[in-house]
N, C-alpha and C. Protein backbone atom coordinates (compact mmCIF):
# COMPACT_ATOMS: atom_id res chain seq x y z
N MET A 1 -12.42 5.46 19.20
CA MET A 1 -12.42 6.64 19.93
C MET A 1 -11.24 7.24 20.26
N SER A 2 -10.84 8.50 19.85
CA SER A 2 -9.91 9.00 20.10
C SER A 2 -9.66 9.76 21.35
N THR A 3 -8.51 9.63 22.09
CA THR A 3 -8.21 10.18 23.43
C THR A 3 -7.62 11.70 23.21
N MET A 4 -8.22 12.60 24.16
CA MET A 4 -7.68 13.93 24.36
C MET A 4 -6.27 13.70 25.01
N PRO A 5 -5.27 14.35 24.19
CA PRO A 5 -4.04 14.29 24.92
C PRO A 5 -3.89 15.19 26.07
N ASN A 6 -3.13 14.76 26.77
CA ASN A 6 -2.82 15.71 28.04
C ASN A 6 -1.70 16.80 27.70
N LEU A 7 -2.25 18.13 27.53
CA LEU A 7 -1.61 18.93 27.10
C LEU A 7 -0.52 19.81 27.99
N ASN A 8 -0.47 19.13 29.09
CA ASN A 8 0.41 19.68 30.19
C ASN A 8 1.86 19.19 30.07
N HIS A 9 1.74 18.32 29.06
CA HIS A 9 3.25 17.68 28.86
C HIS A 9 3.88 17.95 27.61
N ILE A 10 3.41 18.99 27.16
CA ILE A 10 3.99 19.56 25.79
C ILE A 10 5.46 20.10 26.19
N PRO A 11 6.68 19.76 25.72
CA PRO A 11 8.00 20.12 26.05
C PRO A 11 8.01 21.73 25.83
N SER A 12 8.89 22.27 26.52
CA SER A 12 8.97 23.83 26.30
C SER A 12 9.91 24.21 25.19
N ASN A 13 10.70 23.49 24.56
CA ASN A 13 11.36 23.66 23.44
C ASN A 13 10.65 23.26 21.99
N THR A 14 9.29 23.14 22.02
CA THR A 14 8.53 22.77 20.93
C THR A 14 8.34 23.92 19.99
N SER A 15 8.92 23.53 18.78
CA SER A 15 8.88 24.54 17.77
C SER A 15 7.67 24.54 16.79
N LEU A 16 6.92 23.35 16.81
CA LEU A 16 5.82 23.30 16.02
C LEU A 16 4.74 22.41 16.94
N PHE A 17 3.63 22.82 16.92
CA PHE A 17 2.45 21.92 17.51
C PHE A 17 1.27 21.98 16.72
N ILE A 18 0.91 20.84 16.26
CA ILE A 18 -0.17 20.61 15.42
C ILE A 18 -1.15 20.05 16.52
N GLY A 19 -2.17 21.05 16.90
CA GLY A 19 -3.19 20.89 17.92
C GLY A 19 -4.44 19.65 17.73
N PRO A 20 -5.26 19.27 18.57
CA PRO A 20 -6.38 18.32 18.34
C PRO A 20 -7.13 19.02 17.52
N GLY A 21 -7.77 18.44 16.55
CA GLY A 21 -8.57 18.60 15.67
C GLY A 21 -8.13 19.42 14.40
N LEU A 22 -6.88 19.68 14.34
CA LEU A 22 -6.21 20.43 13.26
C LEU A 22 -5.64 19.46 12.34
N ARG A 23 -5.66 19.72 11.15
CA ARG A 23 -5.29 18.86 10.21
C ARG A 23 -4.19 19.64 9.27
N VAL A 24 -2.89 19.32 9.21
CA VAL A 24 -1.93 19.94 8.18
C VAL A 24 -1.43 19.05 7.29
N GLU A 25 -1.31 19.57 6.17
CA GLU A 25 -0.84 18.75 4.78
C GLU A 25 0.52 19.48 4.28
N GLY A 26 1.30 18.64 4.12
CA GLY A 26 2.79 19.05 3.44
C GLY A 26 3.92 18.37 4.15
N ARG A 27 4.86 18.84 3.84
CA ARG A 27 6.37 18.24 4.09
C ARG A 27 6.96 19.33 5.45
N ILE A 28 7.28 18.79 6.40
CA ILE A 28 7.87 19.49 7.46
C ILE A 28 9.65 19.08 7.59
N THR A 29 10.42 20.19 7.70
CA THR A 29 11.56 20.11 7.64
C THR A 29 12.01 20.78 8.87
N GLN A 30 12.95 20.12 9.82
CA GLN A 30 13.33 20.97 10.96
C GLN A 30 15.04 20.70 11.30
N THR A 31 15.72 21.57 11.25
CA THR A 31 17.26 21.31 11.39
C THR A 31 17.77 21.61 12.60
N SER A 32 17.09 21.96 13.64
CA SER A 32 17.47 22.20 14.78
C SER A 32 17.31 20.99 15.79
N LYS A 33 18.47 20.56 16.30
CA LYS A 33 18.46 19.25 17.29
C LYS A 33 17.98 19.31 18.35
N ASP A 34 17.61 20.75 18.96
CA ASP A 34 17.16 21.08 20.20
C ASP A 34 15.64 21.44 20.37
N GLU A 35 15.00 21.12 19.18
CA GLU A 35 13.73 21.43 19.14
C GLU A 35 12.86 20.29 18.86
N VAL A 36 11.50 20.38 19.21
CA VAL A 36 10.53 19.16 19.15
C VAL A 36 9.36 19.65 18.38
N ILE A 37 8.78 18.70 17.40
CA ILE A 37 7.73 18.94 17.04
C ILE A 37 6.72 18.03 17.50
N VAL A 38 5.61 18.54 17.82
CA VAL A 38 4.44 17.74 18.64
C VAL A 38 3.27 17.61 17.64
N VAL A 39 2.68 16.32 17.48
CA VAL A 39 1.57 16.30 16.68
C VAL A 39 0.53 15.63 17.73
N ALA A 40 -0.67 16.40 17.80
CA ALA A 40 -1.79 15.99 18.75
C ALA A 40 -3.03 15.99 17.82
N GLY A 41 -2.74 16.34 16.64
CA GLY A 41 -4.06 16.38 15.63
C GLY A 41 -3.43 15.43 14.52
N THR A 42 -3.59 15.89 13.26
CA THR A 42 -3.10 15.09 12.14
C THR A 42 -2.08 15.79 11.22
N LEU A 43 -1.13 15.16 10.78
CA LEU A 43 -0.09 15.56 9.91
C LEU A 43 -0.36 14.59 8.71
N ALA A 44 -0.60 15.08 7.53
CA ALA A 44 -0.59 14.36 6.32
C ALA A 44 0.67 14.77 5.57
N GLY A 45 1.73 14.10 5.60
CA GLY A 45 2.84 14.34 4.62
C GLY A 45 4.16 13.83 5.20
N ASP A 46 5.35 14.39 4.87
CA ASP A 46 6.47 13.55 5.30
C ASP A 46 7.06 14.58 6.46
N VAL A 47 8.05 14.24 7.23
CA VAL A 47 8.68 14.81 8.24
C VAL A 47 10.17 14.49 8.10
N VAL A 48 11.00 15.54 8.09
CA VAL A 48 12.51 15.27 8.21
C VAL A 48 12.81 16.15 9.30
N SER A 49 13.60 15.64 10.24
CA SER A 49 13.75 16.26 11.63
C SER A 49 15.19 15.95 12.20
N GLU A 50 16.15 16.88 12.39
CA GLU A 50 17.27 16.64 13.15
C GLU A 50 16.97 16.50 14.86
N GLY A 51 15.69 16.90 15.19
CA GLY A 51 15.45 16.78 16.58
C GLY A 51 14.32 15.77 16.89
N VAL A 52 13.40 16.07 17.79
CA VAL A 52 12.68 15.04 18.39
C VAL A 52 11.03 15.31 17.61
N VAL A 53 10.48 14.18 17.27
CA VAL A 53 9.07 14.35 16.91
C VAL A 53 8.17 13.32 17.78
N LEU A 54 7.29 14.03 18.27
CA LEU A 54 6.30 13.38 19.51
C LEU A 54 4.79 13.39 19.01
N VAL A 55 4.50 12.25 18.59
CA VAL A 55 3.16 11.90 18.31
C VAL A 55 2.14 11.63 19.42
N MET A 56 1.44 12.59 20.03
CA MET A 56 0.55 12.42 21.29
C MET A 56 -0.51 11.30 21.08
N GLU A 57 -1.07 10.89 22.21
CA GLU A 57 -2.33 10.09 22.11
C GLU A 57 -3.50 10.90 21.47
N GLY A 58 -3.84 10.27 20.44
CA GLY A 58 -4.83 11.07 19.60
C GLY A 58 -4.30 11.58 18.21
N GLY A 59 -2.90 11.72 18.31
CA GLY A 59 -2.22 12.33 17.18
C GLY A 59 -2.17 11.30 16.24
N LEU A 60 -1.95 11.72 14.78
CA LEU A 60 -1.83 10.77 13.69
C LEU A 60 -0.87 11.42 12.54
N ILE A 61 -0.02 10.79 12.18
CA ILE A 61 0.85 10.96 11.10
C ILE A 61 0.64 10.10 9.90
N GLU A 62 0.00 10.77 8.85
CA GLU A 62 -0.19 9.85 7.69
C GLU A 62 0.89 10.18 6.77
N ALA A 63 2.25 9.33 6.45
CA ALA A 63 3.19 9.55 5.86
C ALA A 63 3.09 9.34 4.24
N ASN A 64 3.56 10.39 3.62
CA ASN A 64 3.56 10.02 2.07
C ASN A 64 4.58 8.98 1.68
N ASP A 65 5.87 9.48 2.04
CA ASP A 65 7.01 8.56 1.35
C ASP A 65 8.12 8.37 2.49
N GLU A 66 8.42 9.20 3.29
CA GLU A 66 9.46 9.22 4.34
C GLU A 66 9.25 10.07 5.63
N MET A 67 9.76 9.38 6.66
CA MET A 67 9.91 10.03 7.88
C MET A 67 11.38 9.70 8.33
N ARG A 68 12.08 10.77 8.70
CA ARG A 68 13.48 10.75 9.17
C ARG A 68 13.54 11.62 10.61
N CYS A 69 13.99 11.17 11.68
CA CYS A 69 14.07 12.03 12.59
C CYS A 69 15.12 11.41 13.71
N PHE A 70 16.00 12.32 14.48
CA PHE A 70 16.72 11.89 15.36
C PHE A 70 16.02 10.95 16.32
N GLU A 71 14.97 11.36 16.88
CA GLU A 71 14.12 10.59 17.85
C GLU A 71 12.61 10.73 17.71
N LEU A 72 11.98 9.62 17.66
CA LEU A 72 10.60 9.42 17.21
C LEU A 72 9.91 8.83 18.47
N GLN A 73 8.96 9.74 19.01
CA GLN A 73 8.24 9.01 20.15
C GLN A 73 6.85 9.07 19.64
N VAL A 74 6.18 7.93 19.82
CA VAL A 74 5.13 7.66 19.44
C VAL A 74 4.08 7.04 20.54
N ARG A 75 3.15 7.87 20.70
CA ARG A 75 1.94 7.63 21.57
C ARG A 75 0.54 7.49 21.01
N GLY A 76 0.49 8.03 19.73
CA GLY A 76 -0.48 7.88 18.80
C GLY A 76 -0.36 6.86 17.66
N GLU A 77 -0.58 7.43 16.45
CA GLU A 77 -0.53 6.70 15.41
C GLU A 77 0.32 7.18 14.27
N ILE A 78 1.32 6.38 13.58
CA ILE A 78 1.86 6.59 12.18
C ILE A 78 1.42 5.54 11.29
N LYS A 79 0.90 5.95 10.07
CA LYS A 79 0.50 5.28 8.99
C LYS A 79 0.93 5.55 7.54
N SER A 80 1.21 4.70 6.78
CA SER A 80 1.37 5.16 5.30
C SER A 80 0.09 5.66 4.81
N LYS A 81 0.27 6.48 3.94
CA LYS A 81 -0.95 6.74 3.28
C LYS A 81 -1.29 5.75 2.29
N GLU A 82 -2.56 5.39 2.06
CA GLU A 82 -3.12 4.36 1.24
C GLU A 82 -2.25 3.88 0.16
N GLY A 83 -1.81 2.76 -0.10
CA GLY A 83 -1.19 2.29 -1.27
C GLY A 83 0.39 2.61 -1.24
N LYS A 84 0.92 3.46 -0.17
CA LYS A 84 2.27 3.70 -0.19
C LYS A 84 3.13 2.88 0.68
N SER A 85 4.44 2.75 0.37
CA SER A 85 5.52 2.11 1.25
C SER A 85 6.29 3.23 1.71
N VAL A 86 6.06 3.56 2.93
CA VAL A 86 6.81 4.59 3.53
C VAL A 86 8.06 4.05 4.27
N MET A 87 9.36 4.89 4.11
CA MET A 87 10.51 4.51 4.80
C MET A 87 10.37 5.46 6.05
N LEU A 88 10.74 4.82 7.11
CA LEU A 88 10.79 5.62 8.58
C LEU A 88 12.28 5.23 8.90
N GLU A 89 12.96 6.19 9.22
CA GLU A 89 14.13 6.30 9.61
C GLU A 89 14.56 7.09 10.98
N ALA A 90 15.12 6.42 11.97
CA ALA A 90 15.43 7.31 13.33
C ALA A 90 16.57 6.62 13.91
N GLY A 91 17.02 7.60 15.02
CA GLY A 91 18.10 7.19 15.84
C GLY A 91 17.48 6.51 17.06
N LEU A 92 16.15 6.82 17.18
CA LEU A 92 15.70 6.15 18.52
C LEU A 92 14.15 6.20 18.22
N LEU A 93 13.29 5.07 18.39
CA LEU A 93 12.18 4.98 18.18
C LEU A 93 11.48 4.40 19.37
N LYS A 94 10.74 5.21 20.20
CA LYS A 94 10.17 4.95 21.48
C LYS A 94 8.58 4.73 21.10
N LEU A 95 8.06 3.48 21.50
CA LEU A 95 6.61 3.24 21.47
C LEU A 95 6.02 3.09 22.64
N SER A 96 4.84 3.86 23.09
CA SER A 96 4.23 3.71 24.31
C SER A 96 3.26 2.39 24.08
N GLU A 97 2.56 2.05 25.20
CA GLU A 97 1.58 1.00 24.99
C GLU A 97 0.41 1.31 24.26
N ALA A 98 0.21 2.84 23.96
CA ALA A 98 -1.00 3.05 22.83
C ALA A 98 -0.53 3.30 21.45
N ALA A 99 0.95 3.11 21.31
CA ALA A 99 1.32 3.42 19.97
C ALA A 99 1.07 2.52 18.86
N ARG A 100 0.79 2.93 17.55
CA ARG A 100 0.20 1.98 16.58
C ARG A 100 1.13 2.69 15.36
N VAL A 101 2.03 1.93 14.76
CA VAL A 101 2.87 2.17 13.82
C VAL A 101 2.60 1.35 12.57
N ASN A 102 2.29 1.63 11.31
CA ASN A 102 2.11 0.71 10.30
C ASN A 102 2.83 1.32 9.06
N VAL A 103 4.09 1.20 8.68
CA VAL A 103 4.69 1.61 7.50
C VAL A 103 5.37 0.51 6.79
N GLY A 104 5.98 0.87 5.64
CA GLY A 104 6.52 0.01 4.83
C GLY A 104 7.98 -0.73 5.64
N GLU A 105 8.76 0.09 5.96
CA GLU A 105 10.15 -0.37 6.43
C GLU A 105 10.48 0.77 7.50
N ILE A 106 11.20 0.32 8.41
CA ILE A 106 11.74 1.04 9.49
C ILE A 106 13.28 0.67 9.63
N LYS A 107 14.24 1.79 9.71
CA LYS A 107 15.55 1.46 9.69
C LYS A 107 16.00 2.20 11.02
N LEU A 108 16.84 1.42 11.93
CA LEU A 108 17.23 2.04 13.28
C LEU A 108 18.52 1.36 13.47
N PRO A 109 19.28 2.28 14.06
CA PRO A 109 20.66 1.53 14.70
C PRO A 109 20.43 0.64 15.76
N PRO A 110 21.33 -0.21 16.02
CA PRO A 110 21.47 -1.29 17.02
C PRO A 110 20.99 -0.60 18.20
N GLY A 111 19.80 -1.12 19.09
CA GLY A 111 19.32 -0.57 20.39
C GLY A 111 18.67 0.82 20.29
N GLY A 112 18.04 0.86 18.94
CA GLY A 112 17.30 2.10 18.64
C GLY A 112 15.86 1.89 18.96
N LEU A 113 15.53 0.90 19.50
CA LEU A 113 13.95 0.52 19.88
C LEU A 113 13.49 0.41 21.02
N GLU A 114 12.62 1.32 21.68
CA GLU A 114 12.19 0.95 22.84
C GLU A 114 10.71 0.97 22.95
N GLN A 115 10.30 -0.25 23.19
CA GLN A 115 8.60 -0.44 22.86
C GLN A 115 8.02 -0.95 24.21
N ALA A 116 7.02 -0.22 24.72
CA ALA A 116 6.21 -0.76 25.89
C ALA A 116 5.22 -1.84 25.30
N ARG A 117 4.96 -2.84 26.41
CA ARG A 117 4.03 -3.79 25.93
C ARG A 117 2.70 -3.27 25.68
N GLY A 118 2.12 -3.69 24.47
CA GLY A 118 0.82 -3.22 24.03
C GLY A 118 1.05 -2.46 22.82
N GLY A 119 2.14 -1.66 22.60
CA GLY A 119 2.53 -0.99 21.50
C GLY A 119 2.47 -1.85 20.17
N ILE A 120 1.96 -1.49 19.02
CA ILE A 120 1.94 -2.11 17.75
C ILE A 120 2.90 -1.76 16.76
N LEU A 121 3.52 -2.50 16.03
CA LEU A 121 4.73 -2.21 15.08
C LEU A 121 4.29 -3.20 14.12
N CYS A 122 4.01 -2.60 12.76
CA CYS A 122 3.76 -3.47 11.61
C CYS A 122 4.64 -2.91 10.45
N ALA A 123 5.68 -3.47 10.14
CA ALA A 123 6.77 -2.89 9.22
C ALA A 123 8.12 -3.88 9.04
N ARG A 124 8.77 -3.81 8.09
CA ARG A 124 9.91 -4.73 7.81
C ARG A 124 11.13 -3.71 8.64
N LEU A 125 11.44 -4.34 9.76
CA LEU A 125 12.43 -3.60 10.61
C LEU A 125 13.92 -4.13 10.29
N SER A 126 14.72 -3.19 10.26
CA SER A 126 16.23 -3.46 10.01
C SER A 126 17.04 -2.49 10.93
N MET A 127 18.01 -3.20 11.86
CA MET A 127 19.09 -2.57 12.51
C MET A 127 20.30 -2.65 11.97
N SER A 128 20.97 -1.58 11.79
CA SER A 128 22.45 -1.58 11.40
C SER A 128 23.01 -0.34 11.69
N GLU A 129 24.43 -0.59 11.62
CA GLU A 129 25.37 0.53 12.07
C GLU A 129 25.22 1.78 10.92
N GLU A 130 24.60 1.31 9.83
CA GLU A 130 24.38 2.15 8.66
C GLU A 130 23.21 2.89 8.75
N ASN A 131 23.35 3.85 9.64
CA ASN A 131 22.05 4.80 10.05
C ASN A 131 22.63 6.09 10.25
N SER A 132 21.86 7.21 9.53
CA SER A 132 22.32 8.59 9.47
C SER A 132 22.14 9.16 10.74
N PHE A 133 21.75 8.64 11.71
CA PHE A 133 21.75 9.14 12.99
C PHE A 133 22.54 8.41 13.96
């Protein structure tokens, strides 16, 4: 059962909004550090962002190969496309109690993970100073 996201909490600096019931396929690249990508529907593809990516409750990212972003806030779900091993790299990964992340590998800097009790993370996690963020 999917939860309808609270659309009152969309950041004002949102440059891309994928709404509930909408499915977008492809690669998204964002170069602005001051803008936010919000996924409340489904994004099937890869994301490379210098800014913030927010996956709202009910939102889903089905990653092909990679996800790279400065900050990734997950209240919904991120998973690898069937049979793929996805690399997720972020400067900060924030997981809410409703978050579900199931990818191949996650690379974060030390201190780059904030996880609420109940959030699920299934991946090989490595934290090192060698992080592009």
